[in-house]
Amino acid sequence: MEILNATVRSKGQVVIPAELRKKHGIRPGTKVAFMEDPFGGLMLKPINEEYIDRIAGCLKGGNMLETWLEEHRAEGEKEKY
């Protein structure tokens, strides 16, 4: 695994290296999730169809999935205005 570096700018912004953006389908407007791993590091996951399919399996059987989808749709509606 190759290590790629970036610098955090004054407003907390980080540029994701082009190679990783292409590999993971991250385009302008793609939402991303930040999660802490058990070792104190950070993980970034693009919120795309594949990500939603993966978490959908974890949330099946309850109404958590529908709640999450409704919140996600509401966020998208807010950004249109």
N, C-alpha and C. Protein backbone atom coordinates (compact mmCIF):
# COMPACT_ATOMS: atom_id res chain seq x y z
N MET A 1 0.85 -1.18 0.00
CA MET A 1 0.00 0.00 0.00
C MET A 1 0.90 1.24 0.00
N GLU A 2 0.67 2.10 -0.94
CA GLU A 2 1.42 3.34 -1.05
C GLU A 2 0.84 4.38 -0.10
N ILE A 3 1.72 5.15 0.52
CA ILE A 3 1.28 6.22 1.41
C ILE A 3 1.31 7.53 0.63
N LEU A 4 0.18 8.22 0.60
CA LEU A 4 0.08 9.52 -0.06
C LEU A 4 -0.18 10.57 1.01
N ASN A 5 0.45 11.71 0.88
CA ASN A 5 0.33 12.76 1.89
C ASN A 5 -0.42 13.97 1.35
N ALA A 6 -1.01 14.71 2.28
CA ALA A 6 -1.69 15.97 1.97
C ALA A 6 -1.49 16.89 3.16
N THR A 7 -1.72 18.16 2.98
CA THR A 7 -1.57 19.15 4.04
C THR A 7 -2.93 19.75 4.37
N VAL A 8 -3.22 19.86 5.66
CA VAL A 8 -4.46 20.49 6.10
C VAL A 8 -4.27 22.00 6.00
N ARG A 9 -5.20 22.65 5.33
CA ARG A 9 -5.13 24.11 5.16
C ARG A 9 -5.79 24.82 6.34
N SER A 10 -5.70 26.13 6.36
CA SER A 10 -6.16 26.91 7.51
C SER A 10 -7.65 26.71 7.82
N LYS A 11 -8.46 26.40 6.83
CA LYS A 11 -9.90 26.20 7.06
C LYS A 11 -10.24 24.72 7.27
N GLY A 12 -9.22 23.90 7.51
CA GLY A 12 -9.45 22.48 7.74
C GLY A 12 -9.62 21.67 6.46
N GLN A 13 -9.33 22.26 5.32
CA GLN A 13 -9.52 21.57 4.04
C GLN A 13 -8.29 20.74 3.70
N VAL A 14 -8.56 19.59 3.07
CA VAL A 14 -7.50 18.70 2.62
C VAL A 14 -7.82 18.32 1.18
N VAL A 15 -6.81 18.31 0.32
CA VAL A 15 -7.00 17.87 -1.06
C VAL A 15 -6.70 16.37 -1.10
N ILE A 16 -7.68 15.61 -1.55
CA ILE A 16 -7.50 14.17 -1.70
C ILE A 16 -6.71 13.94 -2.98
N PRO A 17 -5.60 13.21 -2.92
CA PRO A 17 -4.79 12.99 -4.13
C PRO A 17 -5.62 12.45 -5.29
N ALA A 18 -5.32 12.95 -6.50
CA ALA A 18 -6.09 12.60 -7.70
C ALA A 18 -6.18 11.09 -7.91
N GLU A 19 -5.10 10.38 -7.65
CA GLU A 19 -5.08 8.93 -7.83
C GLU A 19 -6.17 8.26 -6.98
N LEU A 20 -6.33 8.71 -5.75
CA LEU A 20 -7.34 8.14 -4.87
C LEU A 20 -8.74 8.59 -5.25
N ARG A 21 -8.89 9.85 -5.68
CA ARG A 21 -10.21 10.31 -6.13
C ARG A 21 -10.70 9.48 -7.29
N LYS A 22 -9.82 9.21 -8.26
CA LYS A 22 -10.21 8.40 -9.42
C LYS A 22 -10.54 6.98 -9.01
N LYS A 23 -9.69 6.38 -8.19
CA LYS A 23 -9.87 4.99 -7.78
C LYS A 23 -11.18 4.78 -7.03
N HIS A 24 -11.59 5.75 -6.21
CA HIS A 24 -12.77 5.60 -5.38
C HIS A 24 -13.98 6.38 -5.87
N GLY A 25 -13.88 6.95 -7.07
CA GLY A 25 -15.03 7.63 -7.67
C GLY A 25 -15.45 8.89 -6.93
N ILE A 26 -14.49 9.59 -6.35
CA ILE A 26 -14.80 10.82 -5.62
C ILE A 26 -14.73 11.98 -6.59
N ARG A 27 -15.88 12.60 -6.81
CA ARG A 27 -15.99 13.73 -7.74
C ARG A 27 -16.48 14.95 -6.96
N PRO A 28 -16.42 16.12 -7.57
CA PRO A 28 -16.97 17.30 -6.87
C PRO A 28 -18.42 17.03 -6.45
N GLY A 29 -18.72 17.32 -5.21
CA GLY A 29 -20.06 17.11 -4.69
C GLY A 29 -20.26 15.77 -3.99
N THR A 30 -19.28 14.86 -4.10
CA THR A 30 -19.39 13.57 -3.42
C THR A 30 -19.31 13.79 -1.92
N LYS A 31 -20.28 13.24 -1.19
CA LYS A 31 -20.25 13.29 0.27
C LYS A 31 -19.26 12.26 0.77
N VAL A 32 -18.61 12.54 1.88
CA VAL A 32 -17.70 11.59 2.49
C VAL A 32 -18.00 11.47 3.97
N ALA A 33 -17.71 10.30 4.52
CA ALA A 33 -17.89 10.06 5.95
C ALA A 33 -16.51 9.93 6.57
N PHE A 34 -16.32 10.56 7.73
CA PHE A 34 -15.09 10.43 8.49
C PHE A 34 -15.40 9.57 9.71
N MET A 35 -14.55 8.58 9.95
CA MET A 35 -14.73 7.69 11.10
C MET A 35 -13.39 7.50 11.78
N GLU A 36 -13.43 7.35 13.10
CA GLU A 36 -12.21 7.03 13.83
C GLU A 36 -12.06 5.52 13.86
N ASP A 37 -10.83 5.06 13.62
CA ASP A 37 -10.59 3.63 13.75
C ASP A 37 -10.22 3.32 15.20
N PRO A 38 -10.19 2.04 15.55
CA PRO A 38 -9.92 1.67 16.96
C PRO A 38 -8.52 2.06 17.44
N PHE A 39 -7.63 2.43 16.52
CA PHE A 39 -6.25 2.74 16.88
C PHE A 39 -5.99 4.24 16.94
N GLY A 40 -7.05 5.05 16.86
CA GLY A 40 -6.91 6.50 16.95
C GLY A 40 -6.67 7.20 15.63
N GLY A 41 -6.77 6.48 14.53
CA GLY A 41 -6.61 7.08 13.22
C GLY A 41 -7.95 7.50 12.65
N LEU A 42 -7.91 8.09 11.47
CA LEU A 42 -9.13 8.51 10.78
C LEU A 42 -9.29 7.73 9.48
N MET A 43 -10.53 7.43 9.15
CA MET A 43 -10.85 6.81 7.87
C MET A 43 -11.82 7.73 7.14
N LEU A 44 -11.66 7.82 5.86
CA LEU A 44 -12.55 8.60 5.01
C LEU A 44 -13.20 7.63 4.04
N LYS A 45 -14.53 7.63 3.97
CA LYS A 45 -15.25 6.76 3.04
C LYS A 45 -16.17 7.61 2.19
N PRO A 46 -16.09 7.47 0.87
CA PRO A 46 -17.06 8.19 0.04
C PRO A 46 -18.45 7.61 0.26
N ILE A 47 -19.45 8.47 0.38
CA ILE A 47 -20.82 8.01 0.53
C ILE A 47 -21.40 7.89 -0.88
N ASN A 48 -21.30 6.68 -1.40
CA ASN A 48 -21.80 6.39 -2.74
C ASN A 48 -22.71 5.17 -2.66
N GLU A 49 -23.15 4.68 -3.78
CA GLU A 49 -24.09 3.56 -3.80
C GLU A 49 -23.50 2.33 -3.12
N GLU A 50 -22.22 2.05 -3.36
CA GLU A 50 -21.57 0.89 -2.74
C GLU A 50 -21.56 1.01 -1.21
N TYR A 51 -21.24 2.20 -0.71
CA TYR A 51 -21.21 2.44 0.74
C TYR A 51 -22.60 2.25 1.33
N ILE A 52 -23.60 2.80 0.67
CA ILE A 52 -24.98 2.70 1.16
C ILE A 52 -25.43 1.24 1.15
N ASP A 53 -25.07 0.49 0.12
CA ASP A 53 -25.43 -0.93 0.07
C ASP A 53 -24.80 -1.70 1.23
N ARG A 54 -23.55 -1.36 1.55
CA ARG A 54 -22.86 -2.05 2.66
C ARG A 54 -23.53 -1.76 3.99
N ILE A 55 -23.85 -0.50 4.26
CA ILE A 55 -24.45 -0.20 5.56
C ILE A 55 -25.91 -0.62 5.61
N ALA A 56 -26.55 -0.74 4.45
CA ALA A 56 -27.95 -1.17 4.43
C ALA A 56 -28.07 -2.56 5.02
N GLY A 57 -27.13 -3.43 4.73
CA GLY A 57 -27.16 -4.78 5.28
C GLY A 57 -27.05 -4.77 6.80
N CYS A 58 -26.29 -3.85 7.34
CA CYS A 58 -26.12 -3.74 8.79
C CYS A 58 -27.38 -3.21 9.46
N LEU A 59 -28.14 -2.40 8.74
CA LEU A 59 -29.29 -1.73 9.33
C LEU A 59 -30.62 -2.41 9.03
N LYS A 60 -30.59 -3.48 8.22
CA LYS A 60 -31.83 -4.17 7.85
C LYS A 60 -32.58 -4.65 9.07
N GLY A 61 -33.89 -4.63 8.97
CA GLY A 61 -34.71 -5.16 10.03
C GLY A 61 -35.24 -4.09 10.97
N GLY A 62 -34.61 -2.94 10.99
CA GLY A 62 -35.08 -1.85 11.84
C GLY A 62 -35.48 -0.70 10.96
N ASN A 63 -35.83 0.40 11.55
CA ASN A 63 -36.18 1.54 10.70
C ASN A 63 -35.04 2.54 10.66
N MET A 64 -33.84 2.13 11.16
CA MET A 64 -32.67 3.01 11.13
C MET A 64 -32.27 3.37 9.70
N LEU A 65 -32.36 2.39 8.79
CA LEU A 65 -31.99 2.64 7.41
C LEU A 65 -32.88 3.72 6.80
N GLU A 66 -34.18 3.60 6.98
CA GLU A 66 -35.10 4.58 6.41
C GLU A 66 -34.86 5.96 7.03
N THR A 67 -34.60 6.02 8.32
CA THR A 67 -34.31 7.29 8.99
C THR A 67 -33.06 7.92 8.39
N TRP A 68 -32.01 7.11 8.21
CA TRP A 68 -30.76 7.63 7.64
C TRP A 68 -30.99 8.13 6.21
N LEU A 69 -31.72 7.36 5.41
CA LEU A 69 -31.98 7.77 4.04
C LEU A 69 -32.78 9.06 3.98
N GLU A 70 -33.77 9.21 4.86
CA GLU A 70 -34.56 10.44 4.90
C GLU A 70 -33.69 11.64 5.26
N GLU A 71 -32.80 11.47 6.25
CA GLU A 71 -31.90 12.56 6.63
C GLU A 71 -30.97 12.91 5.48
N HIS A 72 -30.46 11.89 4.79
CA HIS A 72 -29.55 12.11 3.67
C HIS A 72 -30.27 12.85 2.54
N ARG A 73 -31.50 12.46 2.26
CA ARG A 73 -32.28 13.15 1.23
C ARG A 73 -32.55 14.60 1.62
N ALA A 74 -32.86 14.83 2.90
CA ALA A 74 -33.13 16.19 3.38
C ALA A 74 -31.89 17.07 3.24
N GLU A 75 -30.72 16.53 3.53
CA GLU A 75 -29.48 17.29 3.36
C GLU A 75 -29.30 17.69 1.90
N GLY A 76 -29.60 16.75 1.00
CA GLY A 76 -29.47 17.04 -0.43
C GLY A 76 -30.42 18.14 -0.86
N GLU A 77 -31.62 18.15 -0.32
CA GLU A 77 -32.59 19.19 -0.66
C GLU A 77 -32.12 20.55 -0.16
N LYS A 78 -31.53 20.61 1.04
CA LYS A 78 -31.04 21.88 1.58
C LYS A 78 -29.95 22.47 0.69
N GLU A 79 -29.07 21.59 0.14
CA GLU A 79 -27.96 22.07 -0.66
C GLU A 79 -28.39 22.63 -2.00
N LYS A 80 -29.58 22.28 -2.47
CA LYS A 80 -30.06 22.78 -3.76
C LYS A 80 -30.38 24.26 -3.70
N TYR A 81 -30.67 24.77 -2.51
CA TYR A 81 -31.10 26.17 -2.37
C TYR A 81 -29.99 27.07 -1.96
